[in-house]
Amino acid sequence: MNLNVKSDSKQARVLSALEAVEKGLTAKQIEARFGGNATATVSDLRFKGFPIYANQHTDGSGRTKTFFRLGTPSRKVLAAGYRALASA
């Protein structure tokens, strides 16, 4: 899966890490491994068409973590995209 992402770029490394991890990575983990702003990198990948989802998990102490994961878009998401393209 390599849509307009250079193979040696930070985006490509983040994308391959998200493909390798089932649960996902937190922004803190992405920034520690690859540097830079994790949310900006994820946003750029989303604009390039990669279905990256943000799942939140709250532990027993009430702390909430957001995990970014690569997934498969639902039919509703695809339909909304096609509707947006049709109206543009």
PDB file of N, CA and C in Angstrom:
ATOM      1  N   MET A   1       0.853  -1.173   0.000  1.00  0.00           N
ATOM      2  CA  MET A   1       0.000   0.000   0.000  1.00  0.00           C
ATOM      3  C   MET A   1       0.894   1.230   0.000  1.00  0.00           C
ATOM      4  N   ASN A   2       1.071   1.818  -1.179  1.00  0.00           N
ATOM      5  CA  ASN A   2       1.991   2.932  -1.278  1.00  0.00           C
ATOM      6  C   ASN A   2       1.450   3.967  -2.252  1.00  0.00           C
ATOM      7  N   LEU A   3       0.470   4.736  -1.855  1.00  0.00           N
ATOM      8  CA  LEU A   3      -0.123   5.761  -2.696  1.00  0.00           C
ATOM      9  C   LEU A   3       0.565   7.091  -2.456  1.00  0.00           C
ATOM     10  N   ASN A   4       1.402   7.499  -3.383  1.00  0.00           N
ATOM     11  CA  ASN A   4       2.069   8.800  -3.313  1.00  0.00           C
ATOM     12  C   ASN A   4       2.893   9.004  -2.045  1.00  0.00           C
ATOM     13  N   VAL A   5       3.527   7.965  -1.567  1.00  0.00           N
ATOM     14  CA  VAL A   5       4.395   8.072  -0.404  1.00  0.00           C
ATOM     15  C   VAL A   5       5.758   7.540  -0.804  1.00  0.00           C
ATOM     16  N   LYS A   6       6.788   8.378  -0.672  1.00  0.00           N
ATOM     17  CA  LYS A   6       8.144   7.939  -1.006  1.00  0.00           C
ATOM     18  C   LYS A   6       8.570   6.850  -0.043  1.00  0.00           C
ATOM     19  N   SER A   7       9.263   5.851  -0.556  1.00  0.00           N
ATOM     20  CA  SER A   7       9.582   4.677   0.252  1.00  0.00           C
ATOM     21  C   SER A   7      10.531   4.967   1.414  1.00  0.00           C
ATOM     22  N   ASP A   8      11.312   6.030   1.332  1.00  0.00           N
ATOM     23  CA  ASP A   8      12.264   6.326   2.406  1.00  0.00           C
ATOM     24  C   ASP A   8      11.802   7.465   3.314  1.00  0.00           C
ATOM     25  N   SER A   9      10.560   7.895   3.193  1.00  0.00           N
ATOM     26  CA  SER A   9      10.071   9.025   3.974  1.00  0.00           C
ATOM     27  C   SER A   9       9.561   8.593   5.347  1.00  0.00           C
ATOM     28  N   LYS A  10       9.368   9.584   6.203  1.00  0.00           N
ATOM     29  CA  LYS A  10       8.820   9.318   7.533  1.00  0.00           C
ATOM     30  C   LYS A  10       7.399   8.774   7.426  1.00  0.00           C
ATOM     31  N   GLN A  11       6.635   9.295   6.470  1.00  0.00           N
ATOM     32  CA  GLN A  11       5.275   8.813   6.282  1.00  0.00           C
ATOM     33  C   GLN A  11       5.257   7.332   5.924  1.00  0.00           C
ATOM     34  N   ALA A  12       6.180   6.901   5.086  1.00  0.00           N
ATOM     35  CA  ALA A  12       6.246   5.485   4.715  1.00  0.00           C
ATOM     36  C   ALA A  12       6.618   4.621   5.914  1.00  0.00           C
ATOM     37  N   ARG A  13       7.516   5.108   6.753  1.00  0.00           N
ATOM     38  CA  ARG A  13       7.902   4.344   7.945  1.00  0.00           C
ATOM     39  C   ARG A  13       6.748   4.255   8.937  1.00  0.00           C
ATOM     40  N   VAL A  14       6.020   5.358   9.125  1.00  0.00           N
ATOM     41  CA  VAL A  14       4.854   5.345  10.018  1.00  0.00           C
ATOM     42  C   VAL A  14       3.798   4.403   9.470  1.00  0.00           C
ATOM     43  N   LEU A  15       3.575   4.454   8.164  1.00  0.00           N
ATOM     44  CA  LEU A  15       2.585   3.595   7.532  1.00  0.00           C
ATOM     45  C   LEU A  15       2.936   2.120   7.695  1.00  0.00           C
ATOM     46  N   SER A  16       4.195   1.765   7.499  1.00  0.00           N
ATOM     47  CA  SER A  16       4.586   0.360   7.669  1.00  0.00           C
ATOM     48  C   SER A  16       4.496  -0.070   9.128  1.00  0.00           C
ATOM     49  N   ALA A  17       4.762   0.842  10.065  1.00  0.00           N
ATOM     50  CA  ALA A  17       4.622   0.506  11.487  1.00  0.00           C
ATOM     51  C   ALA A  17       3.155   0.283  11.838  1.00  0.00           C
ATOM     52  N   LEU A  18       2.261   1.087  11.272  1.00  0.00           N
ATOM     53  CA  LEU A  18       0.836   0.912  11.531  1.00  0.00           C
ATOM     54  C   LEU A  18       0.324  -0.389  10.921  1.00  0.00           C
ATOM     55  N   GLU A  19       0.889  -0.788   9.783  1.00  0.00           N
ATOM     56  CA  GLU A  19       0.502  -2.060   9.167  1.00  0.00           C
ATOM     57  C   GLU A  19       0.962  -3.245  10.010  1.00  0.00           C
ATOM     58  N   ALA A  20       2.093  -3.098  10.688  1.00  0.00           N
ATOM     59  CA  ALA A  20       2.673  -4.202  11.445  1.00  0.00           C
ATOM     60  C   ALA A  20       2.024  -4.409  12.810  1.00  0.00           C
ATOM     61  N   VAL A  21       1.417  -3.364  13.367  1.00  0.00           N
ATOM     62  CA  VAL A  21       0.859  -3.434  14.720  1.00  0.00           C
ATOM     63  C   VAL A  21      -0.656  -3.502  14.627  1.00  0.00           C
ATOM     64  N   GLU A  22      -1.247  -4.536  15.218  1.00  0.00           N
ATOM     65  CA  GLU A  22      -2.697  -4.708  15.141  1.00  0.00           C
ATOM     66  C   GLU A  22      -3.452  -3.707  16.009  1.00  0.00           C
ATOM     67  N   LYS A  23      -2.978  -3.486  17.229  1.00  0.00           N
ATOM     68  CA  LYS A  23      -3.683  -2.604  18.164  1.00  0.00           C
ATOM     69  C   LYS A  23      -3.546  -1.140  17.775  1.00  0.00           C
ATOM     70  N   GLY A  24      -2.436  -0.772  17.189  1.00  0.00           N
ATOM     71  CA  GLY A  24      -2.192   0.612  16.806  1.00  0.00           C
ATOM     72  C   GLY A  24      -1.076   1.223  17.621  1.00  0.00           C
ATOM     73  N   LEU A  25      -0.761   2.455  17.321  1.00  0.00           N
ATOM     74  CA  LEU A  25       0.291   3.189  18.009  1.00  0.00           C
ATOM     75  C   LEU A  25      -0.273   4.506  18.534  1.00  0.00           C
ATOM     76  N   THR A  26       0.201   4.921  19.691  1.00  0.00           N
ATOM     77  CA  THR A  26      -0.201   6.219  20.222  1.00  0.00           C
ATOM     78  C   THR A  26       0.645   7.300  19.557  1.00  0.00           C
ATOM     79  N   ALA A  27       0.205   8.544  19.675  1.00  0.00           N
ATOM     80  CA  ALA A  27       0.967   9.664  19.123  1.00  0.00           C
ATOM     81  C   ALA A  27       2.342   9.733  19.774  1.00  0.00           C
ATOM     82  N   LYS A  28       2.392   9.436  21.054  1.00  0.00           N
ATOM     83  CA  LYS A  28       3.666   9.462  21.779  1.00  0.00           C
ATOM     84  C   LYS A  28       4.634   8.409  21.230  1.00  0.00           C
ATOM     85  N   GLN A  29       4.124   7.221  20.912  1.00  0.00           N
ATOM     86  CA  GLN A  29       4.960   6.168  20.347  1.00  0.00           C
ATOM     87  C   GLN A  29       5.450   6.550  18.952  1.00  0.00           C
ATOM     88  N   ILE A  30       4.576   7.129  18.157  1.00  0.00           N
ATOM     89  CA  ILE A  30       4.966   7.543  16.805  1.00  0.00           C
ATOM     90  C   ILE A  30       6.049   8.615  16.868  1.00  0.00           C
ATOM     91  N   GLU A  31       5.858   9.597  17.752  1.00  0.00           N
ATOM     92  CA  GLU A  31       6.840  10.675  17.876  1.00  0.00           C
ATOM     93  C   GLU A  31       8.176  10.160  18.405  1.00  0.00           C
ATOM     94  N   ALA A  32       8.138   9.192  19.321  1.00  0.00           N
ATOM     95  CA  ALA A  32       9.380   8.646  19.863  1.00  0.00           C
ATOM     96  C   ALA A  32      10.142   7.851  18.801  1.00  0.00           C
ATOM     97  N   ARG A  33       9.434   7.109  17.982  1.00  0.00           N
ATOM     98  CA  ARG A  33      10.086   6.276  16.970  1.00  0.00           C
ATOM     99  C   ARG A  33      10.540   7.063  15.746  1.00  0.00           C
ATOM    100  N   PHE A  34       9.718   8.025  15.313  1.00  0.00           N
ATOM    101  CA  PHE A  34       9.962   8.669  14.029  1.00  0.00           C
ATOM    102  C   PHE A  34      10.172  10.170  14.111  1.00  0.00           C
ATOM    103  N   GLY A  35       9.949  10.765  15.271  1.00  0.00           N
ATOM    104  CA  GLY A  35      10.139  12.197  15.448  1.00  0.00           C
ATOM    105  C   GLY A  35       9.029  13.005  14.806  1.00  0.00           C
ATOM    106  N   GLY A  36       9.051  14.293  15.045  1.00  0.00           N
ATOM    107  CA  GLY A  36       8.068  15.179  14.436  1.00  0.00           C
ATOM    108  C   GLY A  36       6.718  15.138  15.115  1.00  0.00           C
ATOM    109  N   ASN A  37       5.742  15.713  14.444  1.00  0.00           N
ATOM    110  CA  ASN A  37       4.384  15.813  14.963  1.00  0.00           C
ATOM    111  C   ASN A  37       3.572  14.628  14.439  1.00  0.00           C
ATOM    112  N   ALA A  38       3.171  13.738  15.322  1.00  0.00           N
ATOM    113  CA  ALA A  38       2.479  12.510  14.921  1.00  0.00           C
ATOM    114  C   ALA A  38       1.117  12.803  14.319  1.00  0.00           C
ATOM    115  N   THR A  39       0.372  13.732  14.901  1.00  0.00           N
ATOM    116  CA  THR A  39      -0.966  14.005  14.379  1.00  0.00           C
ATOM    117  C   THR A  39      -0.900  14.632  12.989  1.00  0.00           C
ATOM    118  N   ALA A  40       0.110  15.432  12.722  1.00  0.00           N
ATOM    119  CA  ALA A  40       0.267  16.018  11.389  1.00  0.00           C
ATOM    120  C   ALA A  40       0.626  14.938  10.369  1.00  0.00           C
ATOM    121  N   THR A  41       1.475  14.006  10.755  1.00  0.00           N
ATOM    122  CA  THR A  41       1.846  12.917   9.862  1.00  0.00           C
ATOM    123  C   THR A  41       0.640  12.040   9.547  1.00  0.00           C
ATOM    124  N   VAL A  42      -0.142  11.713  10.574  1.00  0.00           N
ATOM    125  CA  VAL A  42      -1.341  10.901  10.380  1.00  0.00           C
ATOM    126  C   VAL A  42      -2.335  11.654   9.502  1.00  0.00           C
ATOM    127  N   SER A  43      -2.475  12.945   9.724  1.00  0.00           N
ATOM    128  CA  SER A  43      -3.388  13.758   8.914  1.00  0.00           C
ATOM    129  C   SER A  43      -2.960  13.773   7.449  1.00  0.00           C
ATOM    130  N   ASP A  44      -1.665  13.917   7.197  1.00  0.00           N
ATOM    131  CA  ASP A  44      -1.158  13.895   5.823  1.00  0.00           C
ATOM    132  C   ASP A  44      -1.442  12.550   5.153  1.00  0.00           C
ATOM    133  N   LEU A  45      -1.254  11.468   5.896  1.00  0.00           N
ATOM    134  CA  LEU A  45      -1.529  10.141   5.345  1.00  0.00           C
ATOM    135  C   LEU A  45      -3.018   9.965   5.058  1.00  0.00           C
ATOM    136  N   ARG A  46      -3.866  10.510   5.908  1.00  0.00           N
ATOM    137  CA  ARG A  46      -5.309  10.439   5.672  1.00  0.00           C
ATOM    138  C   ARG A  46      -5.691  11.182   4.402  1.00  0.00           C
ATOM    139  N   PHE A  47      -5.089  12.371   4.190  1.00  0.00           N
ATOM    140  CA  PHE A  47      -5.383  13.138   2.981  1.00  0.00           C
ATOM    141  C   PHE A  47      -4.903  12.427   1.722  1.00  0.00           C
ATOM    142  N   LYS A  48      -3.932  11.535   1.867  1.00  0.00           N
ATOM    143  CA  LYS A  48      -3.461  10.753   0.727  1.00  0.00           C
ATOM    144  C   LYS A  48      -4.305   9.508   0.505  1.00  0.00           C
ATOM    145  N   GLY A  49      -5.311   9.298   1.342  1.00  0.00           N
ATOM    146  CA  GLY A  49      -6.256   8.223   1.111  1.00  0.00           C
ATOM    147  C   GLY A  49      -6.100   6.996   1.981  1.00  0.00           C
ATOM    148  N   PHE A  50      -5.252   7.026   2.965  1.00  0.00           N
ATOM    149  CA  PHE A  50      -5.066   5.870   3.832  1.00  0.00           C
ATOM    150  C   PHE A  50      -6.099   5.899   4.962  1.00  0.00           C
ATOM    151  N   PRO A  51      -6.795   4.784   5.190  1.00  0.00           N
ATOM    152  CA  PRO A  51      -7.832   4.750   6.230  1.00  0.00           C
ATOM    153  C   PRO A  51      -7.223   4.549   7.617  1.00  0.00           C
ATOM    154  N   ILE A  52      -6.809   5.633   8.239  1.00  0.00           N
ATOM    155  CA  ILE A  52      -6.217   5.577   9.576  1.00  0.00           C
ATOM    156  C   ILE A  52      -7.267   6.050  10.571  1.00  0.00           C
ATOM    157  N   TYR A  53      -7.555   5.196  11.522  1.00  0.00           N
ATOM    158  CA  TYR A  53      -8.589   5.464  12.517  1.00  0.00           C
ATOM    159  C   TYR A  53      -7.957   5.772  13.860  1.00  0.00           C
ATOM    160  N   ALA A  54      -8.649   6.583  14.647  1.00  0.00           N
ATOM    161  CA  ALA A  54      -8.211   6.911  16.005  1.00  0.00           C
ATOM    162  C   ALA A  54      -9.177   6.241  16.976  1.00  0.00           C
ATOM    163  N   ASN A  55      -8.676   5.275  17.726  1.00  0.00           N
ATOM    164  CA  ASN A  55      -9.475   4.567  18.725  1.00  0.00           C
ATOM    165  C   ASN A  55      -9.030   5.011  20.108  1.00  0.00           C
ATOM    166  N   GLN A  56      -9.991   5.326  20.962  1.00  0.00           N
ATOM    167  CA  GLN A  56      -9.664   5.750  22.317  1.00  0.00           C
ATOM    168  C   GLN A  56      -9.880   4.603  23.288  1.00  0.00           C
ATOM    169  N   HIS A  57      -8.991   4.526  24.277  1.00  0.00           N
ATOM    170  CA  HIS A  57      -9.091   3.521  25.323  1.00  0.00           C
ATOM    171  C   HIS A  57      -8.882   4.211  26.661  1.00  0.00           C
ATOM    172  N   THR A  58      -9.784   3.967  27.599  1.00  0.00           N
ATOM    173  CA  THR A  58      -9.667   4.515  28.949  1.00  0.00           C
ATOM    174  C   THR A  58      -9.323   3.376  29.896  1.00  0.00           C
ATOM    175  N   ASP A  59      -8.235   3.552  30.656  1.00  0.00           N
ATOM    176  CA  ASP A  59      -7.832   2.507  31.597  1.00  0.00           C
ATOM    177  C   ASP A  59      -8.588   2.655  32.913  1.00  0.00           C
ATOM    178  N   GLY A  60      -8.280   1.822  33.865  1.00  0.00           N
ATOM    179  CA  GLY A  60      -8.974   1.820  35.146  1.00  0.00           C
ATOM    180  C   GLY A  60      -8.790   3.088  35.950  1.00  0.00           C
ATOM    181  N   SER A  61      -7.710   3.815  35.707  1.00  0.00           N
ATOM    182  CA  SER A  61      -7.440   5.060  36.428  1.00  0.00           C
ATOM    183  C   SER A  61      -8.118   6.270  35.794  1.00  0.00           C
ATOM    184  N   GLY A  62      -8.816   6.053  34.684  1.00  0.00           N
ATOM    185  CA  GLY A  62      -9.495   7.154  34.022  1.00  0.00           C
ATOM    186  C   GLY A  62      -8.665   7.877  32.981  1.00  0.00           C
ATOM    187  N   ARG A  63      -7.451   7.383  32.710  1.00  0.00           N
ATOM    188  CA  ARG A  63      -6.599   7.995  31.694  1.00  0.00           C
ATOM    189  C   ARG A  63      -7.018   7.484  30.321  1.00  0.00           C
ATOM    190  N   THR A  64      -7.133   8.402  29.378  1.00  0.00           N
ATOM    191  CA  THR A  64      -7.554   8.043  28.023  1.00  0.00           C
ATOM    192  C   THR A  64      -6.367   8.155  27.077  1.00  0.00           C
ATOM    193  N   LYS A  65      -6.157   7.109  26.284  1.00  0.00           N
ATOM    194  CA  LYS A  65      -5.121   7.103  25.260  1.00  0.00           C
ATOM    195  C   LYS A  65      -5.792   6.930  23.911  1.00  0.00           C
ATOM    196  N   THR A  66      -5.252   7.603  22.914  1.00  0.00           N
ATOM    197  CA  THR A  66      -5.749   7.461  21.557  1.00  0.00           C
ATOM    198  C   THR A  66      -4.742   6.643  20.765  1.00  0.00           C
ATOM    199  N   PHE A  67      -5.214   5.574  20.155  1.00  0.00           N
ATOM    200  CA  PHE A  67      -4.389   4.705  19.333  1.00  0.00           C
ATOM    201  C   PHE A  67      -4.743   4.918  17.875  1.00  0.00           C
ATOM    202  N   PHE A  68      -3.742   5.173  17.045  1.00  0.00           N
ATOM    203  CA  PHE A  68      -3.949   5.267  15.613  1.00  0.00           C
ATOM    204  C   PHE A  68      -3.727   3.890  15.016  1.00  0.00           C
ATOM    205  N   ARG A  69      -4.661   3.452  14.156  1.00  0.00           N
ATOM    206  CA  ARG A  69      -4.508   2.156  13.518  1.00  0.00           C
ATOM    207  C   ARG A  69      -4.934   2.253  12.068  1.00  0.00           C
ATOM    208  N   LEU A  70      -4.349   1.399  11.261  1.00  0.00           N
ATOM    209  CA  LEU A  70      -4.700   1.319   9.852  1.00  0.00           C
ATOM    210  C   LEU A  70      -5.816   0.307   9.719  1.00  0.00           C
ATOM    211  N   GLY A  71      -6.893   0.679   9.067  1.00  0.00           N
ATOM    212  CA  GLY A  71      -8.042  -0.208   8.975  1.00  0.00           C
ATOM    213  C   GLY A  71      -8.621  -0.263   7.584  1.00  0.00           C
ATOM    214  N   THR A  72      -9.788  -0.831   7.502  1.00  0.00           N
ATOM    215  CA  THR A  72     -10.527  -0.924   6.253  1.00  0.00           C
ATOM    216  C   THR A  72     -11.748  -0.021   6.368  1.00  0.00           C
ATOM    217  N   PRO A  73     -11.957   0.869   5.406  1.00  0.00           N
ATOM    218  CA  PRO A  73     -13.100   1.771   5.511  1.00  0.00           C
ATOM    219  C   PRO A  73     -14.414   1.024   5.360  1.00  0.00           C
ATOM    220  N   SER A  74     -15.420   1.484   6.070  1.00  0.00           N
ATOM    221  CA  SER A  74     -16.739   0.868   5.982  1.00  0.00           C
ATOM    222  C   SER A  74     -17.443   1.323   4.704  1.00  0.00           C
ATOM    223  N   ARG A  75     -18.528   0.657   4.376  1.00  0.00           N
ATOM    224  CA  ARG A  75     -19.299   1.027   3.194  1.00  0.00           C
ATOM    225  C   ARG A  75     -19.857   2.439   3.329  1.00  0.00           C
ATOM    226  N   LYS A  76     -20.207   2.832   4.553  1.00  0.00           N
ATOM    227  CA  LYS A  76     -20.749   4.178   4.775  1.00  0.00           C
ATOM    228  C   LYS A  76     -19.704   5.250   4.463  1.00  0.00           C
ATOM    229  N   VAL A  77     -18.465   4.991   4.847  1.00  0.00           N
ATOM    230  CA  VAL A  77     -17.403   5.958   4.586  1.00  0.00           C
ATOM    231  C   VAL A  77     -17.155   6.076   3.085  1.00  0.00           C
ATOM    232  N   LEU A  78     -17.101   4.952   2.404  1.00  0.00           N
ATOM    233  CA  LEU A  78     -16.908   4.982   0.955  1.00  0.00           C
ATOM    234  C   LEU A  78     -18.068   5.690   0.260  1.00  0.00           C
ATOM    235  N   ALA A  79     -19.293   5.414   0.694  1.00  0.00           N
ATOM    236  CA  ALA A  79     -20.460   6.058   0.103  1.00  0.00           C
ATOM    237  C   ALA A  79     -20.425   7.567   0.322  1.00  0.00           C
ATOM    238  N   ALA A  80     -20.017   7.999   1.503  1.00  0.00           N
ATOM    239  CA  ALA A  80     -19.922   9.431   1.790  1.00  0.00           C
ATOM    240  C   ALA A  80     -18.872  10.093   0.898  1.00  0.00           C
ATOM    241  N   GLY A  81     -17.773   9.398   0.663  1.00  0.00           N
ATOM    242  CA  GLY A  81     -16.735   9.919  -0.229  1.00  0.00           C
ATOM    243  C   GLY A  81     -17.234  10.081  -1.649  1.00  0.00           C
ATOM    244  N   TYR A  82     -17.956   9.075  -2.133  1.00  0.00           N
ATOM    245  CA  TYR A  82     -18.496   9.170  -3.485  1.00  0.00           C
ATOM    246  C   TYR A  82     -19.541  10.279  -3.597  1.00  0.00           C
ATOM    247  N   ARG A  83     -20.367  10.450  -2.548  1.00  0.00           N
ATOM    248  CA  ARG A  83     -21.350  11.535  -2.555  1.00  0.00           C
ATOM    249  C   ARG A  83     -20.663  12.884  -2.582  1.00  0.00           C
ATOM    250  N   ALA A  84     -19.577  13.023  -1.834  1.00  0.00           N
ATOM    251  CA  ALA A  84     -18.829  14.287  -1.807  1.00  0.00           C
ATOM    252  C   ALA A  84     -18.216  14.570  -3.171  1.00  0.00           C
ATOM    253  N   LEU A  85     -17.702  13.543  -3.825  1.00  0.00           N
ATOM    254  CA  LEU A  85     -17.133  13.741  -5.153  1.00  0.00           C
ATOM    255  C   LEU A  85     -18.204  14.111  -6.176  1.00  0.00           C
ATOM    256  N   ALA A  86     -19.376  13.500  -6.047  1.00  0.00           N
ATOM    257  CA  ALA A  86     -20.451  13.764  -6.994  1.00  0.00           C
ATOM    258  C   ALA A  86     -20.978  15.198  -6.872  1.00  0.00           C
ATOM    259  N   SER A  87     -20.964  15.743  -5.660  1.00  0.00           N
ATOM    260  CA  SER A  87     -21.496  17.087  -5.457  1.00  0.00           C
ATOM    261  C   SER A  87     -20.456  18.173  -5.737  1.00  0.00           C
ATOM    262  N   ALA A  88     -19.208  17.795  -5.901  1.00  0.00           N
ATOM    263  CA  ALA A  88     -18.132  18.779  -6.129  1.00  0.00           C
ATOM    264  C   ALA A  88     -18.043  19.233  -7.569  1.00  0.00           C
TER     265      ALA A  88
END
